[in-house]
Amino acid sequence: ELKTATREGAAIAEGMALAKDLGNLPPNVCNPGYLAETGQALGKEFGFEVDILERADLEKLGMWSLLAVGRASYSPCKLVVMHYRGGPAGAKPIVLVGKGVTFDTGGVSLKPAALLDEMKYDMSGAGSVFGTLKTIARLGLPINVTGIVPAVENMPGGNAARPGDVVTSMSGQTIEILNTDAEGRLILCDALTYAERFDPACVVDIATLTGACVVALGAHASGLFANDEPLAAELLKSGGDSGDRAWQLPLWDDYQVQLKSNFADMSNLGGPAAGSVTAACFLARFTKTFKWAHLDVAGTASVGGDAKGSTGRPVPLLSEFLLARSRA
């Protein structure tokens, strides 16, 4: 038991270290292409399949919501898809989707200058997916896991998306962009639709999605939303067991009205009230065909001040969740 615990702990630490390194790298180094190379390097090291979808591939798929976020950047958008197949052939995979905005200026809805350097951490969801894949591959867990990372850079420019633009997501649903700084949900919705093709056992997305979650929970707990209560309970238990805690927030239909648009199926902004909830409600519109949970790690994935840096969270929570699944 002690040998097993030591081995698992070392593997989780290794995954956290990768997530921290990716988060702490400067954004002129860790761009969408760098995240794609990271996925390829992991696949080569551990022998799993990695697909990199380029702009032309994303256009063919109709991922106009994702592409709208990254279209003003010099660094092209990528979709990184990693297939770890340690379980039985044909067993449904658990899909992890990580927000990979390698730098977030806010786009045309430009962020204030203060602490803008910390927006390099807006790819921390992606970093946690890479870190968790490294952990489970190192341990050789007998499960199937697919990691999906939509990787973009949100920049202003002559080709940038504007407030008032209407884009069509991969699902066919249309979105009125009211604020280009509510961009994480625009890339995640297409990645979640893409996840449907794998007939997943469940999908967990991880994103530094909202400042509202930081206001609600601070730096101690990640926000958890889910359309399946048993899945939520699993993740809450894994957070408690690992010390990488989450707290469940409501995903009630009552909040959906805040996403109303006069010009599209929905807007990408729900107003000042319950911002983390309405962001999750937006994502819920793209997850109706599978069991899904959303982790808002805006307050937990990094810290500022003298100790500024990535925390590597929620790699421990995700790793414990997958370890528990593999034991079951």
C-alpha atoms as a PDB file:
ATOM      1  CA  GLU A   1       0.000   0.000   0.000  1.00  0.00           C
ATOM      2  CA  LEU A   2       2.829   2.377   0.856  1.00  0.00           C
ATOM      3  CA  LYS A   3       4.593   1.650  -2.444  1.00  0.00           C
ATOM      4  CA  THR A   4       1.358   2.232  -4.355  1.00  0.00           C
ATOM      5  CA  ALA A   5       0.658   5.494  -2.539  1.00  0.00           C
ATOM      6  CA  THR A   6       4.201   6.725  -3.122  1.00  0.00           C
ATOM      7  CA  ARG A   7       4.025   5.862  -6.812  1.00  0.00           C
ATOM      8  CA  GLU A   8       0.667   7.599  -7.225  1.00  0.00           C
ATOM      9  CA  GLY A   9       1.793  10.660  -5.279  1.00  0.00           C
ATOM     10  CA  ALA A  10       4.947  10.992  -7.379  1.00  0.00           C
ATOM     11  CA  ALA A  11       2.947  10.716 -10.604  1.00  0.00           C
ATOM     12  CA  ILE A  12       0.467  13.371  -9.470  1.00  0.00           C
ATOM     13  CA  ALA A  13       3.359  15.658  -8.506  1.00  0.00           C
ATOM     14  CA  GLU A  14       4.855  15.114 -11.957  1.00  0.00           C
ATOM     15  CA  GLY A  15       1.564  16.091 -13.591  1.00  0.00           C
ATOM     16  CA  MET A  16       1.286  19.172 -11.375  1.00  0.00           C
ATOM     17  CA  ALA A  17       4.826  20.166 -12.303  1.00  0.00           C
ATOM     18  CA  LEU A  18       3.948  20.077 -16.004  1.00  0.00           C
ATOM     19  CA  ALA A  19       0.812  22.164 -15.428  1.00  0.00           C
ATOM     20  CA  LYS A  20       2.836  24.672 -13.385  1.00  0.00           C
ATOM     21  CA  ASP A  21       5.582  24.903 -15.990  1.00  0.00           C
ATOM     22  CA  LEU A  22       3.071  25.549 -18.773  1.00  0.00           C
ATOM     23  CA  GLY A  23       1.297  28.211 -16.725  1.00  0.00           C
ATOM     24  CA  ASN A  24       4.479  29.973 -15.663  1.00  0.00           C
ATOM     25  CA  LEU A  25       6.012  30.150 -19.140  1.00  0.00           C
ATOM     26  CA  PRO A  26       5.851  33.602 -20.753  1.00  0.00           C
ATOM     27  CA  PRO A  27       3.030  33.973 -23.278  1.00  0.00           C
ATOM     28  CA  ASN A  28       5.446  34.745 -26.110  1.00  0.00           C
ATOM     29  CA  VAL A  29       6.725  31.174 -25.617  1.00  0.00           C
ATOM     30  CA  CYS A  30       3.602  29.286 -24.537  1.00  0.00           C
ATOM     31  CA  ASN A  31       1.303  30.079 -27.457  1.00  0.00           C
ATOM     32  CA  PRO A  32      -1.257  27.789 -29.171  1.00  0.00           C
ATOM     33  CA  GLY A  33       1.494  26.148 -31.222  1.00  0.00           C
ATOM     34  CA  TYR A  34       3.484  25.406 -28.063  1.00  0.00           C
ATOM     35  CA  LEU A  35       0.478  23.694 -26.493  1.00  0.00           C
ATOM     36  CA  ALA A  36       0.118  21.568 -29.632  1.00  0.00           C
ATOM     37  CA  GLU A  37       3.800  20.609 -29.408  1.00  0.00           C
ATOM     38  CA  THR A  38       3.331  19.736 -25.722  1.00  0.00           C
ATOM     39  CA  GLY A  39       0.529  17.331 -26.622  1.00  0.00           C
ATOM     40  CA  GLN A  40       2.629  15.741 -29.362  1.00  0.00           C
ATOM     41  CA  ALA A  41       5.586  15.347 -27.001  1.00  0.00           C
ATOM     42  CA  LEU A  42       3.395  13.637 -24.379  1.00  0.00           C
ATOM     43  CA  GLY A  43       1.993  11.283 -26.999  1.00  0.00           C
ATOM     44  CA  LYS A  44       5.483  10.388 -28.170  1.00  0.00           C
ATOM     45  CA  GLU A  45       6.754   9.830 -24.615  1.00  0.00           C
ATOM     46  CA  PHE A  46       3.870   7.628 -23.501  1.00  0.00           C
ATOM     47  CA  GLY A  47       2.769   6.087 -26.783  1.00  0.00           C
ATOM     48  CA  PHE A  48      -0.716   7.510 -27.178  1.00  0.00           C
ATOM     49  CA  GLU A  49      -2.353   9.033 -30.244  1.00  0.00           C
ATOM     50  CA  VAL A  50      -2.461  12.822 -30.648  1.00  0.00           C
ATOM     51  CA  ASP A  51      -4.352  14.746 -33.333  1.00  0.00           C
ATOM     52  CA  ILE A  52      -3.703  18.429 -34.027  1.00  0.00           C
ATOM     53  CA  LEU A  53      -6.528  20.199 -35.843  1.00  0.00           C
ATOM     54  CA  GLU A  54      -5.477  23.346 -37.707  1.00  0.00           C
ATOM     55  CA  ARG A  55      -7.536  26.367 -38.778  1.00  0.00           C
ATOM     56  CA  ALA A  56      -8.675  24.716 -42.029  1.00  0.00           C
ATOM     57  CA  ASP A  57      -9.835  21.648 -40.072  1.00  0.00           C
ATOM     58  CA  LEU A  58     -11.738  23.839 -37.609  1.00  0.00           C
ATOM     59  CA  GLU A  59     -13.396  25.731 -40.449  1.00  0.00           C
ATOM     60  CA  LYS A  60     -14.551  22.448 -42.020  1.00  0.00           C
ATOM     61  CA  LEU A  61     -16.056  21.438 -38.677  1.00  0.00           C
ATOM     62  CA  GLY A  62     -17.888  24.758 -38.393  1.00  0.00           C
ATOM     63  CA  MET A  63     -16.127  25.870 -35.204  1.00  0.00           C
ATOM     64  CA  TRP A  64     -16.805  29.542 -35.914  1.00  0.00           C
ATOM     65  CA  SER A  65     -17.265  30.343 -32.237  1.00  0.00           C
ATOM     66  CA  LEU A  66     -13.784  29.086 -31.348  1.00  0.00           C
ATOM     67  CA  LEU A  67     -12.219  30.701 -34.413  1.00  0.00           C
ATOM     68  CA  ALA A  68     -13.784  34.080 -33.606  1.00  0.00           C
ATOM     69  CA  VAL A  69     -11.716  34.299 -30.417  1.00  0.00           C
ATOM     70  CA  GLY A  70      -8.320  33.691 -31.990  1.00  0.00           C
ATOM     71  CA  ARG A  71      -8.705  35.244 -35.415  1.00  0.00           C
ATOM     72  CA  ALA A  72      -6.797  38.495 -34.658  1.00  0.00           C
ATOM     73  CA  SER A  73      -3.757  36.693 -33.257  1.00  0.00           C
ATOM     74  CA  TYR A  74      -0.545  36.039 -35.177  1.00  0.00           C
ATOM     75  CA  SER A  75      -0.597  32.551 -33.568  1.00  0.00           C
ATOM     76  CA  PRO A  76      -3.169  30.338 -35.338  1.00  0.00           C
ATOM     77  CA  CYS A  77      -5.891  28.510 -33.398  1.00  0.00           C
ATOM     78  CA  LYS A  78      -5.351  24.810 -32.697  1.00  0.00           C
ATOM     79  CA  LEU A  79      -7.432  21.961 -31.319  1.00  0.00           C
ATOM     80  CA  VAL A  80      -5.285  19.376 -29.533  1.00  0.00           C
ATOM     81  CA  VAL A  81      -6.914  15.952 -29.119  1.00  0.00           C
ATOM     82  CA  MET A  82      -5.123  13.266 -27.090  1.00  0.00           C
ATOM     83  CA  HIS A  83      -6.313   9.655 -26.822  1.00  0.00           C
ATOM     84  CA  TYR A  84      -5.031   7.658 -23.843  1.00  0.00           C
ATOM     85  CA  ARG A  85      -6.342   4.122 -24.269  1.00  0.00           C
ATOM     86  CA  GLY A  86      -5.387   2.133 -21.189  1.00  0.00           C
ATOM     87  CA  GLY A  87      -8.787   0.493 -20.788  1.00  0.00           C
ATOM     88  CA  PRO A  88     -10.668  -2.163 -22.726  1.00  0.00           C
ATOM     89  CA  ALA A  89     -11.139  -1.587 -26.436  1.00  0.00           C
ATOM     90  CA  GLY A  90     -14.533  -0.039 -27.050  1.00  0.00           C
ATOM     91  CA  ALA A  91     -14.972   1.194 -23.477  1.00  0.00           C
ATOM     92  CA  LYS A  92     -16.366   4.715 -23.417  1.00  0.00           C
ATOM     93  CA  PRO A  93     -13.704   7.330 -22.656  1.00  0.00           C
ATOM     94  CA  ILE A  94     -13.793   9.964 -19.973  1.00  0.00           C
ATOM     95  CA  VAL A  95     -13.243  13.263 -21.800  1.00  0.00           C
ATOM     96  CA  LEU A  96     -11.344  16.167 -20.242  1.00  0.00           C
ATOM     97  CA  VAL A  97     -11.673  19.553 -21.972  1.00  0.00           C
ATOM     98  CA  GLY A  98      -9.258  22.310 -20.945  1.00  0.00           C
ATOM     99  CA  LYS A  99      -9.538  26.012 -21.793  1.00  0.00           C
ATOM    100  CA  GLY A 100      -6.336  26.984 -23.580  1.00  0.00           C
ATOM    101  CA  VAL A 101      -6.365  30.779 -23.975  1.00  0.00           C
ATOM    102  CA  THR A 102      -2.600  31.296 -23.923  1.00  0.00           C
ATOM    103  CA  PHE A 103      -3.001  35.021 -23.375  1.00  0.00           C
ATOM    104  CA  ASP A 104      -6.200  36.980 -22.845  1.00  0.00           C
ATOM    105  CA  THR A 105      -6.125  40.699 -23.578  1.00  0.00           C
ATOM    106  CA  GLY A 106      -9.919  40.717 -23.566  1.00  0.00           C
ATOM    107  CA  GLY A 107      -9.853  41.410 -27.302  1.00  0.00           C
ATOM    108  CA  VAL A 108     -11.727  44.538 -28.410  1.00  0.00           C
ATOM    109  CA  SER A 109     -13.320  44.576 -24.916  1.00  0.00           C
ATOM    110  CA  LEU A 110      -9.811  45.288 -23.621  1.00  0.00           C
ATOM    111  CA  LYS A 111      -8.939  44.418 -20.020  1.00  0.00           C
ATOM    112  CA  PRO A 112      -7.440  47.032 -17.660  1.00  0.00           C
ATOM    113  CA  ALA A 113      -3.634  47.172 -17.623  1.00  0.00           C
ATOM    114  CA  ALA A 114      -3.272  46.242 -13.942  1.00  0.00           C
ATOM    115  CA  LEU A 115      -2.200  42.612 -13.490  1.00  0.00           C
ATOM    116  CA  LEU A 116      -2.636  41.978 -17.207  1.00  0.00           C
ATOM    117  CA  ASP A 117       0.545  39.885 -17.161  1.00  0.00           C
ATOM    118  CA  GLU A 118      -1.376  37.281 -15.161  1.00  0.00           C
ATOM    119  CA  MET A 119      -3.587  36.612 -18.158  1.00  0.00           C
ATOM    120  CA  LYS A 120      -0.901  34.168 -19.298  1.00  0.00           C
ATOM    121  CA  TYR A 121      -2.564  31.835 -16.766  1.00  0.00           C
ATOM    122  CA  ASP A 122      -5.763  31.751 -18.842  1.00  0.00           C
ATOM    123  CA  MET A 123      -4.545  28.440 -20.304  1.00  0.00           C
ATOM    124  CA  SER A 124      -4.440  26.783 -16.872  1.00  0.00           C
ATOM    125  CA  GLY A 125      -7.393  24.538 -17.716  1.00  0.00           C
ATOM    126  CA  ALA A 126      -5.414  23.229 -20.667  1.00  0.00           C
ATOM    127  CA  GLY A 127      -2.345  22.856 -18.467  1.00  0.00           C
ATOM    128  CA  SER A 128      -4.314  20.705 -16.031  1.00  0.00           C
ATOM    129  CA  VAL A 129      -5.456  18.431 -18.868  1.00  0.00           C
ATOM    130  CA  PHE A 130      -1.870  17.931 -20.043  1.00  0.00           C
ATOM    131  CA  GLY A 131      -0.742  17.356 -16.455  1.00  0.00           C
ATOM    132  CA  THR A 132      -3.500  14.868 -15.715  1.00  0.00           C
ATOM    133  CA  LEU A 133      -2.807  12.932 -18.938  1.00  0.00           C
ATOM    134  CA  LYS A 134       0.852  12.723 -17.914  1.00  0.00           C
ATOM    135  CA  THR A 135      -0.129  11.426 -14.461  1.00  0.00           C
ATOM    136  CA  ILE A 136      -2.429   8.668 -15.695  1.00  0.00           C
ATOM    137  CA  ALA A 137      -0.025   7.650 -18.465  1.00  0.00           C
ATOM    138  CA  ARG A 138       2.830   7.427 -15.962  1.00  0.00           C
ATOM    139  CA  LEU A 139       0.650   5.196 -13.768  1.00  0.00           C
ATOM    140  CA  GLY A 140      -0.686   3.200 -16.729  1.00  0.00           C
ATOM    141  CA  LEU A 141      -4.256   3.419 -15.446  1.00  0.00           C
ATOM    142  CA  PRO A 142      -6.639   0.862 -17.019  1.00  0.00           C
ATOM    143  CA  ILE A 143      -9.111   3.437 -18.349  1.00  0.00           C
ATOM    144  CA  ASN A 144      -9.709   5.348 -21.569  1.00  0.00           C
ATOM    145  CA  VAL A 145      -9.306   9.123 -21.380  1.00  0.00           C
ATOM    146  CA  THR A 146      -9.505  11.674 -24.178  1.00  0.00           C
ATOM    147  CA  GLY A 147      -8.048  15.121 -23.576  1.00  0.00           C
ATOM    148  CA  ILE A 148      -9.263  18.039 -25.708  1.00  0.00           C
ATOM    149  CA  VAL A 149      -7.525  21.410 -25.639  1.00  0.00           C
ATOM    150  CA  PRO A 150      -8.898  24.324 -27.693  1.00  0.00           C
ATOM    151  CA  ALA A 151      -5.820  26.567 -27.922  1.00  0.00           C
ATOM    152  CA  VAL A 152      -6.159  30.224 -28.940  1.00  0.00           C
ATOM    153  CA  GLU A 153      -4.790  33.678 -28.152  1.00  0.00           C
ATOM    154  CA  ASN A 154      -7.317  36.472 -27.614  1.00  0.00           C
ATOM    155  CA  MET A 155      -5.867  39.650 -29.144  1.00  0.00           C
ATOM    156  CA  PRO A 156      -7.243  42.963 -30.452  1.00  0.00           C
ATOM    157  CA  GLY A 157      -6.632  43.800 -34.088  1.00  0.00           C
ATOM    158  CA  GLY A 158      -8.184  44.637 -37.419  1.00  0.00           C
ATOM    159  CA  ASN A 159      -9.544  41.107 -37.754  1.00  0.00           C
ATOM    160  CA  ALA A 160     -10.780  40.766 -34.177  1.00  0.00           C
ATOM    161  CA  ALA A 161     -14.316  39.796 -33.237  1.00  0.00           C
ATOM    162  CA  ARG A 162     -16.458  42.753 -32.136  1.00  0.00           C
ATOM    163  CA  PRO A 163     -19.236  43.200 -29.588  1.00  0.00           C
ATOM    164  CA  GLY A 164     -22.407  42.786 -31.620  1.00  0.00           C
ATOM    165  CA  ASP A 165     -21.007  40.080 -33.908  1.00  0.00           C
ATOM    166  CA  VAL A 166     -23.093  36.920 -34.289  1.00  0.00           C
ATOM    167  CA  VAL A 167     -21.245  33.629 -34.788  1.00  0.00           C
ATOM    168  CA  THR A 168     -22.465  30.106 -35.447  1.00  0.00           C
ATOM    169  CA  SER A 169     -21.091  27.406 -33.161  1.00  0.00           C
ATOM    170  CA  MET A 170     -20.271  23.873 -34.275  1.00  0.00           C
ATOM    171  CA  SER A 171     -23.590  22.774 -32.761  1.00  0.00           C
ATOM    172  CA  GLY A 172     -25.457  25.101 -35.128  1.00  0.00           C
ATOM    173  CA  GLN A 173     -26.581  27.375 -32.295  1.00  0.00           C
ATOM    174  CA  THR A 174     -25.913  31.065 -32.884  1.00  0.00           C
ATOM    175  CA  ILE A 175     -24.219  33.345 -30.357  1.00  0.00           C
ATOM    176  CA  GLU A 176     -24.291  37.126 -30.090  1.00  0.00           C
ATOM    177  CA  ILE A 177     -20.933  38.304 -28.762  1.00  0.00           C
ATOM    178  CA  LEU A 178     -21.703  41.110 -26.309  1.00  0.00           C
ATOM    179  CA  ASN A 179     -18.227  41.143 -24.763  1.00  0.00           C
ATOM    180  CA  THR A 180     -15.101  39.708 -26.380  1.00  0.00           C
ATOM    181  CA  ASP A 181     -13.614  39.152 -22.909  1.00  0.00           C
ATOM    182  CA  ALA A 182     -16.219  36.436 -22.273  1.00  0.00           C
ATOM    183  CA  GLU A 183     -14.179  34.306 -24.656  1.00  0.00           C
ATOM    184  CA  GLY A 184     -13.514  31.092 -22.750  1.00  0.00           C
ATOM    185  CA  ARG A 185     -17.077  29.887 -23.181  1.00  0.00           C
ATOM    186  CA  LEU A 186     -16.833  30.591 -26.931  1.00  0.00           C
ATOM    187  CA  ILE A 187     -13.974  28.134 -27.389  1.00  0.00           C
ATOM    188  CA  LEU A 188     -15.272  25.596 -24.880  1.00  0.00           C
ATOM    189  CA  CYS A 189     -18.720  25.307 -26.464  1.00  0.00           C
ATOM    190  CA  ASP A 190     -17.213  24.085 -29.750  1.00  0.00           C
ATOM    191  CA  ALA A 191     -14.825  21.737 -27.943  1.00  0.00           C
ATOM    192  CA  LEU A 192     -17.742  20.293 -25.952  1.00  0.00           C
ATOM    193  CA  THR A 193     -19.701  19.718 -29.159  1.00  0.00           C
ATOM    194  CA  TYR A 194     -16.632  18.013 -30.651  1.00  0.00           C
ATOM    195  CA  ALA A 195     -16.502  15.706 -27.589  1.00  0.00           C
ATOM    196  CA  GLU A 196     -19.875  14.190 -28.578  1.00  0.00           C
ATOM    197  CA  ARG A 197     -18.235  12.137 -31.341  1.00  0.00           C
ATOM    198  CA  PHE A 198     -16.391  10.020 -28.762  1.00  0.00           C
ATOM    199  CA  ASP A 199     -19.625   8.824 -27.083  1.00  0.00           C
ATOM    200  CA  PRO A 200     -18.118   9.735 -23.705  1.00  0.00           C
ATOM    201  CA  ALA A 201     -18.806   8.093 -20.370  1.00  0.00           C
ATOM    202  CA  CYS A 202     -18.702  11.661 -19.036  1.00  0.00           C
ATOM    203  CA  VAL A 203     -17.108  15.011 -19.861  1.00  0.00           C
ATOM    204  CA  VAL A 204     -15.336  17.340 -17.430  1.00  0.00           C
ATOM    205  CA  ASP A 205     -14.237  20.770 -18.600  1.00  0.00           C
ATOM    206  CA  ILE A 206     -11.703  22.847 -16.705  1.00  0.00           C
ATOM    207  CA  ALA A 207     -11.427  26.583 -17.224  1.00  0.00           C
ATOM    208  CA  THR A 208     -10.267  29.827 -15.659  1.00  0.00           C
ATOM    209  CA  LEU A 209     -13.657  31.059 -16.746  1.00  0.00           C
ATOM    210  CA  THR A 210     -14.953  33.892 -14.572  1.00  0.00           C
ATOM    211  CA  GLY A 211     -13.773  36.551 -12.165  1.00  0.00           C
ATOM    212  CA  ALA A 212     -17.173  36.071 -10.555  1.00  0.00           C
ATOM    213  CA  CYS A 213     -16.062  32.664  -9.295  1.00  0.00           C
ATOM    214  CA  VAL A 214     -13.090  34.311  -7.575  1.00  0.00           C
ATOM    215  CA  VAL A 215     -15.492  36.741  -5.890  1.00  0.00           C
ATOM    216  CA  ALA A 216     -17.707  33.846  -4.777  1.00  0.00           C
ATOM    217  CA  LEU A 217     -15.101  31.341  -3.586  1.00  0.00           C
ATOM    218  CA  GLY A 218     -11.743  33.092  -3.441  1.00  0.00           C
ATOM    219  CA  ALA A 219      -8.596  31.028  -3.856  1.00  0.00           C
ATOM    220  CA  HIS A 220      -9.575  28.041  -1.710  1.00  0.00           C
ATOM    221  CA  ALA A 221     -12.165  26.131  -3.739  1.00  0.00           C
ATOM    222  CA  SER A 222     -12.834  25.651  -7.432  1.00  0.00           C
ATOM    223  CA  GLY A 223     -16.414  26.179  -8.569  1.00  0.00           C
ATOM    224  CA  LEU A 224     -18.209  22.988  -9.642  1.00  0.00           C
ATOM    225  CA  PHE A 225     -21.287  22.781 -11.853  1.00  0.00           C
ATOM    226  CA  ALA A 226     -22.817  19.596 -13.258  1.00  0.00           C
ATOM    227  CA  ASN A 227     -25.844  18.274 -15.107  1.00  0.00           C
ATOM    228  CA  ASP A 228     -25.446  14.915 -13.315  1.00  0.00           C
ATOM    229  CA  GLU A 229     -25.512  14.720  -9.529  1.00  0.00           C
ATOM    230  CA  PRO A 230     -23.605  11.408  -9.150  1.00  0.00           C
ATOM    231  CA  LEU A 231     -20.768  12.862 -11.279  1.00  0.00           C
ATOM    232  CA  ALA A 232     -20.758  16.009  -9.144  1.00  0.00           C
ATOM    233  CA  ALA A 233     -20.578  13.886  -5.997  1.00  0.00           C
ATOM    234  CA  GLU A 234     -17.617  11.933  -7.401  1.00  0.00           C
ATOM    235  CA  LEU A 235     -15.707  15.114  -8.148  1.00  0.00           C
ATOM    236  CA  LEU A 236     -16.513  16.660  -4.768  1.00  0.00           C
ATOM    237  CA  LYS A 237     -15.263  13.515  -3.012  1.00  0.00           C
ATOM    238  CA  SER A 238     -12.106  13.439  -5.141  1.00  0.00           C
ATOM    239  CA  GLY A 239     -11.481  17.067  -4.249  1.00  0.00           C
ATOM    240  CA  GLY A 240     -11.859  16.312  -0.553  1.00  0.00           C
ATOM    241  CA  ASP A 241      -9.694  13.192  -0.710  1.00  0.00           C
ATOM    242  CA  SER A 242      -6.907  15.018  -2.559  1.00  0.00           C
ATOM    243  CA  GLY A 243      -7.129  18.310  -0.650  1.00  0.00           C
ATOM    244  CA  ASP A 244      -7.819  20.040  -3.985  1.00  0.00           C
ATOM    245  CA  ARG A 245     -11.342  21.032  -3.054  1.00  0.00           C
ATOM    246  CA  ALA A 246     -14.304  22.179  -5.105  1.00  0.00           C
ATOM    247  CA  TRP A 247     -17.680  23.612  -4.104  1.00  0.00           C
ATOM    248  CA  GLN A 248     -20.870  22.976  -6.038  1.00  0.00           C
ATOM    249  CA  LEU A 249     -22.876  25.917  -7.328  1.00  0.00           C
ATOM    250  CA  PRO A 250     -26.368  25.809  -8.915  1.00  0.00           C
ATOM    251  CA  LEU A 251     -27.027  25.145 -12.572  1.00  0.00           C
ATOM    252  CA  TRP A 252     -30.710  26.007 -12.489  1.00  0.00           C
ATOM    253  CA  ASP A 253     -32.738  26.885 -15.565  1.00  0.00           C
ATOM    254  CA  ASP A 254     -33.861  30.049 -13.750  1.00  0.00           C
ATOM    255  CA  TYR A 255     -30.562  31.668 -14.749  1.00  0.00           C
ATOM    256  CA  GLN A 256     -30.856  30.863 -18.462  1.00  0.00           C
ATOM    257  CA  VAL A 257     -33.025  33.909 -19.153  1.00  0.00           C
ATOM    258  CA  GLN A 258     -29.995  36.138 -18.511  1.00  0.00           C
ATOM    259  CA  LEU A 259     -28.429  34.806 -21.735  1.00  0.00           C
ATOM    260  CA  LYS A 260     -31.319  36.022 -23.906  1.00  0.00           C
ATOM    261  CA  SER A 261     -30.405  37.714 -27.193  1.00  0.00           C
ATOM    262  CA  ASN A 262     -32.648  39.602 -29.618  1.00  0.00           C
ATOM    263  CA  PHE A 263     -30.435  38.599 -32.533  1.00  0.00           C
ATOM    264  CA  ALA A 264     -29.176  35.046 -31.874  1.00  0.00           C
ATOM    265  CA  ASP A 265     -30.038  31.896 -29.967  1.00  0.00           C
ATOM    266  CA  MET A 266     -28.098  33.276 -26.996  1.00  0.00           C
ATOM    267  CA  SER A 267     -25.636  35.952 -25.945  1.00  0.00           C
ATOM    268  CA  ASN A 268     -22.220  35.210 -24.449  1.00  0.00           C
ATOM    269  CA  LEU A 269     -22.823  37.405 -21.420  1.00  0.00           C
ATOM    270  CA  GLY A 270     -25.370  37.068 -18.640  1.00  0.00           C
ATOM    271  CA  GLY A 271     -24.905  40.442 -16.944  1.00  0.00           C
ATOM    272  CA  PRO A 272     -23.323  41.268 -13.574  1.00  0.00           C
ATOM    273  CA  ALA A 273     -25.447  38.954 -11.425  1.00  0.00           C
ATOM    274  CA  ALA A 274     -24.248  35.367 -10.835  1.00  0.00           C
ATOM    275  CA  GLY A 275     -21.577  35.584 -13.526  1.00  0.00           C
ATOM    276  CA  SER A 276     -20.024  32.177 -12.840  1.00  0.00           C
ATOM    277  CA  VAL A 277     -23.473  30.542 -12.898  1.00  0.00           C
ATOM    278  CA  THR A 278     -24.577  32.114 -16.186  1.00  0.00           C
ATOM    279  CA  ALA A 279     -21.246  31.137 -17.777  1.00  0.00           C
ATOM    280  CA  ALA A 280     -21.886  27.534 -16.744  1.00  0.00           C
ATOM    281  CA  CYS A 281     -25.487  27.813 -17.987  1.00  0.00           C
ATOM    282  CA  PHE A 282     -24.104  28.911 -21.366  1.00  0.00           C
ATOM    283  CA  LEU A 283     -21.905  25.794 -21.533  1.00  0.00           C
ATOM    284  CA  ALA A 284     -24.805  23.584 -20.410  1.00  0.00           C
ATOM    285  CA  ARG A 285     -26.584  24.354 -23.690  1.00  0.00           C
ATOM    286  CA  PHE A 286     -23.874  22.351 -25.480  1.00  0.00           C
ATOM    287  CA  THR A 287     -23.827  19.316 -23.159  1.00  0.00           C
ATOM    288  CA  LYS A 288     -27.325  17.869 -23.413  1.00  0.00           C
ATOM    289  CA  THR A 289     -26.209  14.517 -24.877  1.00  0.00           C
ATOM    290  CA  PHE A 290     -23.773  13.443 -22.128  1.00  0.00           C
ATOM    291  CA  LYS A 291     -23.020  13.611 -18.414  1.00  0.00           C
ATOM    292  CA  TRP A 292     -21.003  16.769 -17.849  1.00  0.00           C
ATOM    293  CA  ALA A 293     -19.277  18.750 -15.133  1.00  0.00           C
ATOM    294  CA  HIS A 294     -17.569  22.126 -15.285  1.00  0.00           C
ATOM    295  CA  LEU A 295     -14.753  23.266 -12.987  1.00  0.00           C
ATOM    296  CA  ASP A 296     -14.219  27.029 -12.809  1.00  0.00           C
ATOM    297  CA  VAL A 297     -10.631  27.326 -11.565  1.00  0.00           C
ATOM    298  CA  ALA A 298     -10.187  31.079 -12.008  1.00  0.00           C
ATOM    299  CA  GLY A 299      -9.385  31.488  -8.317  1.00  0.00           C
ATOM    300  CA  THR A 300      -7.390  28.320  -7.726  1.00  0.00           C
ATOM    301  CA  ALA A 301      -5.164  27.747 -10.774  1.00  0.00           C
ATOM    302  CA  SER A 302      -2.711  30.533  -9.942  1.00  0.00           C
ATOM    303  CA  VAL A 303      -1.810  32.989  -7.197  1.00  0.00           C
ATOM    304  CA  GLY A 304      -0.564  36.569  -7.404  1.00  0.00           C
ATOM    305  CA  GLY A 305       1.605  38.827  -5.278  1.00  0.00           C
ATOM    306  CA  ASP A 306       5.053  37.815  -4.031  1.00  0.00           C
ATOM    307  CA  ALA A 307       4.192  34.133  -4.501  1.00  0.00           C
ATOM    308  CA  LYS A 308       2.936  34.683  -8.050  1.00  0.00           C
ATOM    309  CA  GLY A 309       2.784  31.482 -10.040  1.00  0.00           C
ATOM    310  CA  SER A 310       0.735  28.530 -11.171  1.00  0.00           C
ATOM    311  CA  THR A 311      -0.547  26.164  -8.480  1.00  0.00           C
ATOM    312  CA  GLY A 312      -0.946  23.076 -10.673  1.00  0.00           C
ATOM    313  CA  ARG A 313      -4.576  22.765  -9.596  1.00  0.00           C
ATOM    314  CA  PRO A 314      -6.849  20.943 -10.304  1.00  0.00           C
ATOM    315  CA  VAL A 315      -4.473  18.142 -11.367  1.00  0.00           C
ATOM    316  CA  PRO A 316      -4.772  16.450  -7.919  1.00  0.00           C
ATOM    317  CA  LEU A 317      -8.587  16.506  -8.046  1.00  0.00           C
ATOM    318  CA  LEU A 318      -8.730  15.165 -11.619  1.00  0.00           C
ATOM    319  CA  SER A 319      -6.089  12.524 -10.940  1.00  0.00           C
ATOM    320  CA  GLU A 320      -7.896  11.288  -7.842  1.00  0.00           C
ATOM    321  CA  PHE A 321     -11.158  11.194  -9.816  1.00  0.00           C
ATOM    322  CA  LEU A 322      -9.558   9.024 -12.524  1.00  0.00           C
ATOM    323  CA  LEU A 323      -7.772   6.842  -9.985  1.00  0.00           C
ATOM    324  CA  ALA A 324     -11.098   6.185  -8.263  1.00  0.00           C
ATOM    325  CA  ARG A 325     -12.721   5.375 -11.621  1.00  0.00           C
ATOM    326  CA  SER A 326      -9.913   2.980 -12.519  1.00  0.00           C
ATOM    327  CA  ARG A 327     -10.182   1.193  -9.137  1.00  0.00           C
ATOM    328  CA  ALA A 328     -13.933   0.820  -9.672  1.00  0.00           C
END
